[in-house]
Amino acid sequence: MGSFSKKQEDLVNSSWEAFKQNIPHLSIVFYSSILEKVPIAKDMFSFLKDCDGIPLNNPTLEAHAEKIFEMIRDSAIQLGAKGEVEVADDITLEYLGYVHIQKGVTDYHFLVFKEAMLKTLKEAVGDKWSEELGIAWELAYDELAAVIKKTMCW
């Protein structure tokens, strides 16, 4: 991994703050974007399995979206500080790898997930969106995804 600049870290942090301002709506944008591309992914999420569409005002869905975006934001911070990504203490890499294997996650799912993340962030920041902001989130996501894939023995 190359260097992750302070400016990139600042871009990720400011857009993270924008995301947190409207988690109920943006979590729906995020999961809707995923299901538009991969409808069967619904079965990968326990909080979507028995629902028609994306449930509104679902605390589990919102908490999951927040945790994902927070992990990616934390990856950006780690890249800036250490040049590498380590998963937070409360979630082990082995567990993340195990869950992704059990759910049947493929490389294509990681790509769809990244596209949904970028679409959601673009909506969160509105006219503050820039290519540079998108690249910063992509770098952080790609590094986190690589760590998870490694635990999946890819």
N, C-alpha and C. Protein backbone atom coordinates (compact mmCIF):
# COMPACT_ATOMS: atom_id res chain seq x y z
N MET A 1 0.85 -1.19 0.00
CA MET A 1 0.00 0.00 0.00
C MET A 1 0.88 1.23 0.00
N GLY A 2 0.55 2.17 -0.85
CA GLY A 2 1.25 3.45 -0.86
C GLY A 2 0.79 4.29 0.32
N SER A 3 1.22 5.52 0.33
CA SER A 3 0.84 6.35 1.47
C SER A 3 -0.60 6.84 1.34
N PHE A 4 -1.19 7.06 2.46
CA PHE A 4 -2.55 7.60 2.56
C PHE A 4 -2.38 8.97 3.21
N SER A 5 -2.67 10.00 2.47
CA SER A 5 -2.35 11.36 2.92
C SER A 5 -3.29 11.86 4.01
N LYS A 6 -2.83 12.87 4.71
CA LYS A 6 -3.65 13.53 5.72
C LYS A 6 -4.90 14.11 5.08
N LYS A 7 -4.77 14.64 3.87
CA LYS A 7 -5.93 15.19 3.17
C LYS A 7 -6.96 14.10 2.88
N GLN A 8 -6.50 12.92 2.45
CA GLN A 8 -7.42 11.82 2.20
C GLN A 8 -8.12 11.40 3.50
N GLU A 9 -7.35 11.34 4.57
CA GLU A 9 -7.94 10.99 5.86
C GLU A 9 -9.00 12.03 6.26
N ASP A 10 -8.70 13.30 6.05
CA ASP A 10 -9.65 14.37 6.38
C ASP A 10 -10.92 14.27 5.53
N LEU A 11 -10.76 13.93 4.25
CA LEU A 11 -11.92 13.76 3.37
C LEU A 11 -12.81 12.63 3.86
N VAL A 12 -12.20 11.52 4.22
CA VAL A 12 -12.97 10.38 4.72
C VAL A 12 -13.67 10.77 6.02
N ASN A 13 -12.95 11.41 6.93
CA ASN A 13 -13.56 11.79 8.21
C ASN A 13 -14.72 12.76 8.05
N SER A 14 -14.57 13.76 7.18
CA SER A 14 -15.66 14.73 7.01
C SER A 14 -16.89 14.09 6.37
N SER A 15 -16.67 13.20 5.43
CA SER A 15 -17.81 12.53 4.79
C SER A 15 -18.43 11.49 5.72
N TRP A 16 -17.63 10.90 6.59
CA TRP A 16 -18.16 10.01 7.63
C TRP A 16 -19.12 10.78 8.53
N GLU A 17 -18.73 11.98 8.89
CA GLU A 17 -19.61 12.82 9.72
C GLU A 17 -20.92 13.13 8.98
N ALA A 18 -20.84 13.39 7.69
CA ALA A 18 -22.05 13.64 6.89
C ALA A 18 -22.93 12.38 6.85
N PHE A 19 -22.31 11.22 6.70
CA PHE A 19 -23.05 9.96 6.69
C PHE A 19 -23.79 9.77 8.02
N LYS A 20 -23.12 10.03 9.13
CA LYS A 20 -23.73 9.81 10.45
C LYS A 20 -24.94 10.71 10.69
N GLN A 21 -25.04 11.81 9.98
CA GLN A 21 -26.16 12.74 10.17
C GLN A 21 -27.49 12.18 9.68
N ASN A 22 -27.43 11.17 8.80
CA ASN A 22 -28.67 10.65 8.23
C ASN A 22 -28.61 9.14 8.02
N ILE A 23 -28.18 8.43 9.03
CA ILE A 23 -28.02 6.97 8.92
C ILE A 23 -29.32 6.26 8.53
N PRO A 24 -30.48 6.61 9.07
CA PRO A 24 -31.69 5.88 8.67
C PRO A 24 -31.91 5.90 7.15
N HIS A 25 -31.83 7.06 6.55
CA HIS A 25 -32.04 7.16 5.11
C HIS A 25 -30.88 6.54 4.32
N LEU A 26 -29.65 6.85 4.71
CA LEU A 26 -28.50 6.39 3.95
C LEU A 26 -28.28 4.88 4.05
N SER A 27 -28.69 4.28 5.15
CA SER A 27 -28.59 2.82 5.23
C SER A 27 -29.54 2.16 4.23
N ILE A 28 -30.68 2.78 4.01
CA ILE A 28 -31.62 2.27 3.00
C ILE A 28 -31.04 2.44 1.59
N VAL A 29 -30.43 3.59 1.34
CA VAL A 29 -29.76 3.81 0.05
C VAL A 29 -28.70 2.74 -0.17
N PHE A 30 -27.90 2.48 0.85
CA PHE A 30 -26.81 1.52 0.76
C PHE A 30 -27.32 0.11 0.43
N TYR A 31 -28.23 -0.41 1.23
CA TYR A 31 -28.72 -1.77 1.00
C TYR A 31 -29.56 -1.87 -0.27
N SER A 32 -30.29 -0.83 -0.61
CA SER A 32 -31.04 -0.84 -1.87
C SER A 32 -30.09 -0.94 -3.05
N SER A 33 -28.98 -0.23 -2.98
CA SER A 33 -27.99 -0.27 -4.06
C SER A 33 -27.41 -1.66 -4.22
N ILE A 34 -27.16 -2.32 -3.10
CA ILE A 34 -26.63 -3.69 -3.16
C ILE A 34 -27.65 -4.61 -3.80
N LEU A 35 -28.91 -4.52 -3.33
CA LEU A 35 -29.94 -5.46 -3.80
C LEU A 35 -30.36 -5.20 -5.24
N GLU A 36 -30.17 -3.97 -5.73
CA GLU A 36 -30.44 -3.69 -7.15
C GLU A 36 -29.54 -4.53 -8.03
N LYS A 37 -28.29 -4.69 -7.63
CA LYS A 37 -27.31 -5.45 -8.43
C LYS A 37 -27.35 -6.94 -8.13
N VAL A 38 -27.56 -7.30 -6.87
CA VAL A 38 -27.52 -8.69 -6.45
C VAL A 38 -28.71 -8.97 -5.53
N PRO A 39 -29.90 -9.17 -6.11
CA PRO A 39 -31.09 -9.39 -5.29
C PRO A 39 -30.97 -10.54 -4.29
N ILE A 40 -30.25 -11.59 -4.67
CA ILE A 40 -30.13 -12.73 -3.75
C ILE A 40 -29.24 -12.42 -2.55
N ALA A 41 -28.54 -11.29 -2.58
CA ALA A 41 -27.72 -10.89 -1.42
C ALA A 41 -28.60 -10.64 -0.20
N LYS A 42 -29.88 -10.44 -0.43
CA LYS A 42 -30.83 -10.24 0.68
C LYS A 42 -30.71 -11.35 1.71
N ASP A 43 -30.48 -12.57 1.23
CA ASP A 43 -30.38 -13.72 2.14
C ASP A 43 -29.08 -13.73 2.94
N MET A 44 -28.15 -12.88 2.58
CA MET A 44 -26.88 -12.81 3.31
C MET A 44 -26.98 -11.99 4.58
N PHE A 45 -28.06 -11.21 4.69
CA PHE A 45 -28.24 -10.33 5.84
C PHE A 45 -29.45 -10.79 6.64
N SER A 46 -29.22 -11.15 7.89
CA SER A 46 -30.31 -11.69 8.71
C SER A 46 -31.47 -10.70 8.85
N PHE A 47 -31.18 -9.42 8.85
CA PHE A 47 -32.22 -8.40 9.02
C PHE A 47 -32.99 -8.11 7.74
N LEU A 48 -32.60 -8.74 6.63
CA LEU A 48 -33.32 -8.58 5.37
C LEU A 48 -34.00 -9.86 4.90
N LYS A 49 -33.57 -10.99 5.45
CA LYS A 49 -34.00 -12.30 4.97
C LYS A 49 -35.50 -12.45 4.80
N ASP A 50 -36.26 -12.09 5.79
CA ASP A 50 -37.70 -12.32 5.77
C ASP A 50 -38.51 -11.08 5.43
N CYS A 51 -37.88 -10.12 4.78
CA CYS A 51 -38.55 -8.86 4.47
C CYS A 51 -38.80 -8.74 2.97
N ASP A 52 -39.87 -8.05 2.65
CA ASP A 52 -40.10 -7.66 1.27
C ASP A 52 -39.50 -6.26 1.12
N GLY A 53 -38.43 -6.15 0.39
CA GLY A 53 -37.78 -4.86 0.25
C GLY A 53 -36.89 -4.54 1.43
N ILE A 54 -36.54 -3.27 1.55
CA ILE A 54 -35.69 -2.80 2.64
C ILE A 54 -36.59 -2.22 3.73
N PRO A 55 -36.52 -2.77 4.95
CA PRO A 55 -37.40 -2.27 6.01
C PRO A 55 -36.99 -0.87 6.48
N LEU A 56 -37.97 -0.03 6.68
CA LEU A 56 -37.73 1.31 7.21
C LEU A 56 -37.60 1.25 8.72
N ASN A 57 -36.85 2.17 9.28
CA ASN A 57 -36.70 2.29 10.74
C ASN A 57 -36.32 0.97 11.39
N ASN A 58 -35.33 0.31 10.80
CA ASN A 58 -34.86 -0.97 11.33
C ASN A 58 -33.51 -0.73 12.03
N PRO A 59 -33.50 -0.75 13.36
CA PRO A 59 -32.27 -0.46 14.10
C PRO A 59 -31.11 -1.40 13.77
N THR A 60 -31.40 -2.66 13.47
CA THR A 60 -30.33 -3.61 13.14
C THR A 60 -29.69 -3.26 11.80
N LEU A 61 -30.51 -2.95 10.82
CA LEU A 61 -30.01 -2.54 9.51
C LEU A 61 -29.16 -1.28 9.63
N GLU A 62 -29.66 -0.32 10.37
CA GLU A 62 -28.94 0.96 10.53
C GLU A 62 -27.62 0.75 11.27
N ALA A 63 -27.64 -0.07 12.31
CA ALA A 63 -26.42 -0.34 13.08
C ALA A 63 -25.38 -1.06 12.23
N HIS A 64 -25.85 -1.98 11.38
CA HIS A 64 -24.93 -2.72 10.52
C HIS A 64 -24.29 -1.78 9.50
N ALA A 65 -25.08 -0.93 8.88
CA ALA A 65 -24.53 0.04 7.92
C ALA A 65 -23.53 0.96 8.61
N GLU A 66 -23.89 1.44 9.78
CA GLU A 66 -22.99 2.34 10.51
C GLU A 66 -21.68 1.63 10.83
N LYS A 67 -21.74 0.39 11.26
CA LYS A 67 -20.54 -0.37 11.61
C LYS A 67 -19.64 -0.56 10.39
N ILE A 68 -20.24 -0.87 9.26
CA ILE A 68 -19.45 -1.06 8.03
C ILE A 68 -18.73 0.22 7.65
N PHE A 69 -19.46 1.31 7.59
CA PHE A 69 -18.85 2.58 7.20
C PHE A 69 -17.80 3.02 8.22
N GLU A 70 -18.07 2.73 9.49
CA GLU A 70 -17.11 3.06 10.54
C GLU A 70 -15.82 2.25 10.37
N MET A 71 -15.95 0.98 10.04
CA MET A 71 -14.76 0.15 9.82
C MET A 71 -13.93 0.68 8.65
N ILE A 72 -14.59 1.12 7.61
CA ILE A 72 -13.87 1.66 6.46
C ILE A 72 -13.21 2.97 6.84
N ARG A 73 -13.92 3.81 7.58
CA ARG A 73 -13.33 5.06 8.06
C ARG A 73 -12.12 4.77 8.94
N ASP A 74 -12.23 3.79 9.84
CA ASP A 74 -11.11 3.40 10.70
C ASP A 74 -9.93 2.89 9.86
N SER A 75 -10.23 2.22 8.77
CA SER A 75 -9.18 1.75 7.88
C SER A 75 -8.40 2.94 7.30
N ALA A 76 -9.12 3.99 6.95
CA ALA A 76 -8.47 5.19 6.43
C ALA A 76 -7.54 5.79 7.48
N ILE A 77 -8.00 5.86 8.71
CA ILE A 77 -7.18 6.40 9.79
C ILE A 77 -5.93 5.54 9.98
N GLN A 78 -6.09 4.23 9.97
CA GLN A 78 -4.96 3.33 10.13
C GLN A 78 -3.97 3.44 8.98
N LEU A 79 -4.50 3.58 7.77
CA LEU A 79 -3.61 3.74 6.61
C LEU A 79 -2.77 5.01 6.75
N GLY A 80 -3.39 6.06 7.24
CA GLY A 80 -2.66 7.30 7.45
C GLY A 80 -1.61 7.19 8.53
N ALA A 81 -1.95 6.48 9.60
CA ALA A 81 -1.05 6.38 10.75
C ALA A 81 0.03 5.31 10.59
N LYS A 82 -0.36 4.14 10.06
CA LYS A 82 0.54 2.99 10.04
C LYS A 82 0.87 2.47 8.64
N GLY A 83 0.08 2.90 7.66
CA GLY A 83 0.28 2.39 6.32
C GLY A 83 -0.32 1.02 6.08
N GLU A 84 -1.10 0.52 7.04
CA GLU A 84 -1.75 -0.78 6.89
C GLU A 84 -3.04 -0.79 7.70
N VAL A 85 -3.88 -1.79 7.41
CA VAL A 85 -5.18 -1.91 8.07
C VAL A 85 -5.16 -3.08 9.03
N GLU A 86 -5.66 -2.82 10.22
CA GLU A 86 -5.91 -3.87 11.21
C GLU A 86 -7.36 -3.71 11.64
N VAL A 87 -8.03 -4.81 11.85
CA VAL A 87 -9.43 -4.76 12.25
C VAL A 87 -9.52 -4.47 13.75
N ALA A 88 -10.54 -3.73 14.13
CA ALA A 88 -10.75 -3.34 15.53
C ALA A 88 -10.77 -4.54 16.46
N ASP A 89 -10.42 -4.31 17.70
CA ASP A 89 -10.33 -5.38 18.70
C ASP A 89 -11.62 -6.16 18.89
N ASP A 90 -12.76 -5.49 18.77
CA ASP A 90 -14.02 -6.17 19.05
C ASP A 90 -14.49 -7.08 17.92
N ILE A 91 -13.83 -7.03 16.80
CA ILE A 91 -14.17 -7.92 15.68
C ILE A 91 -12.88 -8.55 15.20
N THR A 92 -12.76 -9.83 15.35
CA THR A 92 -11.53 -10.48 14.91
C THR A 92 -11.57 -10.73 13.41
N LEU A 93 -10.41 -10.74 12.82
CA LEU A 93 -10.32 -11.04 11.39
C LEU A 93 -10.84 -12.42 11.07
N GLU A 94 -10.53 -13.36 11.94
CA GLU A 94 -11.00 -14.73 11.70
C GLU A 94 -12.52 -14.77 11.64
N TYR A 95 -13.16 -14.02 12.53
CA TYR A 95 -14.62 -13.98 12.54
C TYR A 95 -15.16 -13.36 11.25
N LEU A 96 -14.57 -12.25 10.83
CA LEU A 96 -15.02 -11.62 9.59
C LEU A 96 -14.85 -12.57 8.40
N GLY A 97 -13.71 -13.21 8.33
CA GLY A 97 -13.49 -14.18 7.25
C GLY A 97 -14.49 -15.31 7.29
N TYR A 98 -14.73 -15.84 8.48
CA TYR A 98 -15.68 -16.94 8.66
C TYR A 98 -17.07 -16.54 8.19
N VAL A 99 -17.54 -15.38 8.64
CA VAL A 99 -18.89 -14.92 8.27
C VAL A 99 -18.99 -14.74 6.76
N HIS A 100 -17.99 -14.14 6.16
CA HIS A 100 -18.04 -13.92 4.71
C HIS A 100 -18.04 -15.25 3.95
N ILE A 101 -17.29 -16.22 4.43
CA ILE A 101 -17.30 -17.55 3.79
C ILE A 101 -18.66 -18.20 3.96
N GLN A 102 -19.21 -18.17 5.18
CA GLN A 102 -20.51 -18.79 5.46
C GLN A 102 -21.63 -18.18 4.64
N LYS A 103 -21.55 -16.89 4.37
CA LYS A 103 -22.58 -16.20 3.60
C LYS A 103 -22.39 -16.36 2.09
N GLY A 104 -21.28 -16.96 1.68
CA GLY A 104 -21.05 -17.18 0.26
C GLY A 104 -20.59 -15.93 -0.49
N VAL A 105 -19.92 -15.04 0.21
CA VAL A 105 -19.46 -13.80 -0.41
C VAL A 105 -18.39 -14.11 -1.46
N THR A 106 -18.55 -13.49 -2.62
CA THR A 106 -17.60 -13.65 -3.71
C THR A 106 -16.91 -12.32 -4.00
N ASP A 107 -15.93 -12.36 -4.87
CA ASP A 107 -15.22 -11.14 -5.25
C ASP A 107 -16.19 -10.13 -5.86
N TYR A 108 -17.15 -10.60 -6.63
CA TYR A 108 -18.14 -9.71 -7.23
C TYR A 108 -18.94 -8.98 -6.15
N HIS A 109 -19.25 -9.66 -5.06
CA HIS A 109 -19.99 -9.02 -3.96
C HIS A 109 -19.18 -7.87 -3.36
N PHE A 110 -17.87 -8.06 -3.24
CA PHE A 110 -17.02 -6.98 -2.72
C PHE A 110 -17.09 -5.77 -3.65
N LEU A 111 -17.11 -6.00 -4.95
CA LEU A 111 -17.19 -4.91 -5.92
C LEU A 111 -18.54 -4.19 -5.81
N VAL A 112 -19.62 -4.94 -5.75
CA VAL A 112 -20.96 -4.35 -5.62
C VAL A 112 -21.06 -3.55 -4.33
N PHE A 113 -20.50 -4.09 -3.28
CA PHE A 113 -20.50 -3.42 -1.98
C PHE A 113 -19.79 -2.07 -2.08
N LYS A 114 -18.65 -2.06 -2.76
CA LYS A 114 -17.89 -0.81 -2.90
C LYS A 114 -18.68 0.21 -3.71
N GLU A 115 -19.31 -0.23 -4.79
CA GLU A 115 -20.13 0.68 -5.59
C GLU A 115 -21.27 1.26 -4.77
N ALA A 116 -21.91 0.42 -3.96
CA ALA A 116 -23.01 0.88 -3.10
C ALA A 116 -22.50 1.88 -2.06
N MET A 117 -21.32 1.61 -1.52
CA MET A 117 -20.72 2.53 -0.54
C MET A 117 -20.49 3.90 -1.17
N LEU A 118 -19.91 3.91 -2.36
CA LEU A 118 -19.62 5.18 -3.03
C LEU A 118 -20.89 5.93 -3.39
N LYS A 119 -21.90 5.21 -3.87
CA LYS A 119 -23.18 5.84 -4.19
C LYS A 119 -23.81 6.47 -2.94
N THR A 120 -23.74 5.75 -1.83
CA THR A 120 -24.31 6.23 -0.57
C THR A 120 -23.56 7.47 -0.08
N LEU A 121 -22.25 7.43 -0.15
CA LEU A 121 -21.45 8.58 0.29
C LEU A 121 -21.69 9.79 -0.59
N LYS A 122 -21.86 9.55 -1.88
CA LYS A 122 -22.13 10.66 -2.81
C LYS A 122 -23.43 11.35 -2.40
N GLU A 123 -24.42 10.57 -2.03
CA GLU A 123 -25.68 11.15 -1.58
C GLU A 123 -25.50 11.86 -0.23
N ALA A 124 -24.68 11.29 0.64
CA ALA A 124 -24.47 11.87 1.97
C ALA A 124 -23.83 13.25 1.90
N VAL A 125 -22.86 13.42 1.00
CA VAL A 125 -22.11 14.69 0.97
C VAL A 125 -22.65 15.67 -0.06
N GLY A 126 -23.49 15.21 -0.96
CA GLY A 126 -24.10 16.10 -1.96
C GLY A 126 -23.07 16.81 -2.81
N ASP A 127 -23.15 18.14 -2.87
CA ASP A 127 -22.27 18.90 -3.76
C ASP A 127 -20.82 18.97 -3.26
N LYS A 128 -20.53 18.38 -2.12
CA LYS A 128 -19.14 18.30 -1.65
C LYS A 128 -18.42 17.07 -2.20
N TRP A 129 -19.14 16.27 -2.98
CA TRP A 129 -18.54 15.07 -3.58
C TRP A 129 -17.44 15.49 -4.55
N SER A 130 -16.37 14.74 -4.54
CA SER A 130 -15.28 14.95 -5.50
C SER A 130 -14.65 13.61 -5.83
N GLU A 131 -13.96 13.58 -6.94
CA GLU A 131 -13.24 12.36 -7.32
C GLU A 131 -12.22 12.00 -6.24
N GLU A 132 -11.57 13.01 -5.69
CA GLU A 132 -10.57 12.79 -4.65
C GLU A 132 -11.19 12.14 -3.40
N LEU A 133 -12.38 12.57 -3.03
CA LEU A 133 -13.08 11.99 -1.89
C LEU A 133 -13.40 10.52 -2.19
N GLY A 134 -13.92 10.26 -3.37
CA GLY A 134 -14.24 8.88 -3.75
C GLY A 134 -13.02 7.98 -3.74
N ILE A 135 -11.90 8.48 -4.26
CA ILE A 135 -10.66 7.69 -4.28
C ILE A 135 -10.19 7.38 -2.87
N ALA A 136 -10.31 8.34 -1.96
CA ALA A 136 -9.90 8.11 -0.57
C ALA A 136 -10.70 6.96 0.05
N TRP A 137 -12.02 6.99 -0.14
CA TRP A 137 -12.86 5.91 0.40
C TRP A 137 -12.55 4.59 -0.30
N GLU A 138 -12.33 4.63 -1.60
CA GLU A 138 -12.00 3.40 -2.33
C GLU A 138 -10.72 2.77 -1.80
N LEU A 139 -9.71 3.58 -1.58
CA LEU A 139 -8.44 3.05 -1.06
C LEU A 139 -8.64 2.40 0.30
N ALA A 140 -9.35 3.08 1.18
CA ALA A 140 -9.59 2.53 2.52
C ALA A 140 -10.40 1.24 2.42
N TYR A 141 -11.43 1.23 1.58
CA TYR A 141 -12.25 0.04 1.42
C TYR A 141 -11.43 -1.11 0.83
N ASP A 142 -10.68 -0.82 -0.22
CA ASP A 142 -9.90 -1.87 -0.88
C ASP A 142 -8.91 -2.53 0.07
N GLU A 143 -8.31 -1.74 0.93
CA GLU A 143 -7.36 -2.31 1.89
C GLU A 143 -8.07 -3.17 2.93
N LEU A 144 -9.21 -2.71 3.42
CA LEU A 144 -9.98 -3.51 4.37
C LEU A 144 -10.47 -4.80 3.70
N ALA A 145 -10.98 -4.69 2.49
CA ALA A 145 -11.46 -5.86 1.76
C ALA A 145 -10.31 -6.86 1.54
N ALA A 146 -9.12 -6.38 1.24
CA ALA A 146 -7.98 -7.26 1.03
C ALA A 146 -7.64 -8.04 2.30
N VAL A 147 -7.73 -7.38 3.44
CA VAL A 147 -7.47 -8.04 4.72
C VAL A 147 -8.53 -9.12 4.98
N ILE A 148 -9.78 -8.79 4.71
CA ILE A 148 -10.86 -9.77 4.91
C ILE A 148 -10.69 -10.94 3.95
N LYS A 149 -10.41 -10.66 2.69
CA LYS A 149 -10.22 -11.73 1.70
C LYS A 149 -9.07 -12.65 2.09
N LYS A 150 -8.03 -12.07 2.64
CA LYS A 150 -6.87 -12.88 3.07
C LYS A 150 -7.29 -13.89 4.12
N THR A 151 -8.16 -13.49 5.05
CA THR A 151 -8.63 -14.41 6.08
C THR A 151 -9.57 -15.47 5.49
N MET A 152 -10.10 -15.17 4.31
CA MET A 152 -10.96 -16.14 3.61
C MET A 152 -10.13 -17.11 2.78
N CYS A 153 -8.81 -16.93 2.85
CA CYS A 153 -7.85 -17.79 2.12
C CYS A 153 -7.94 -17.61 0.62
N TRP A 154 -8.16 -16.37 0.18
CA TRP A 154 -8.18 -16.08 -1.25
C TRP A 154 -6.78 -15.80 -1.71
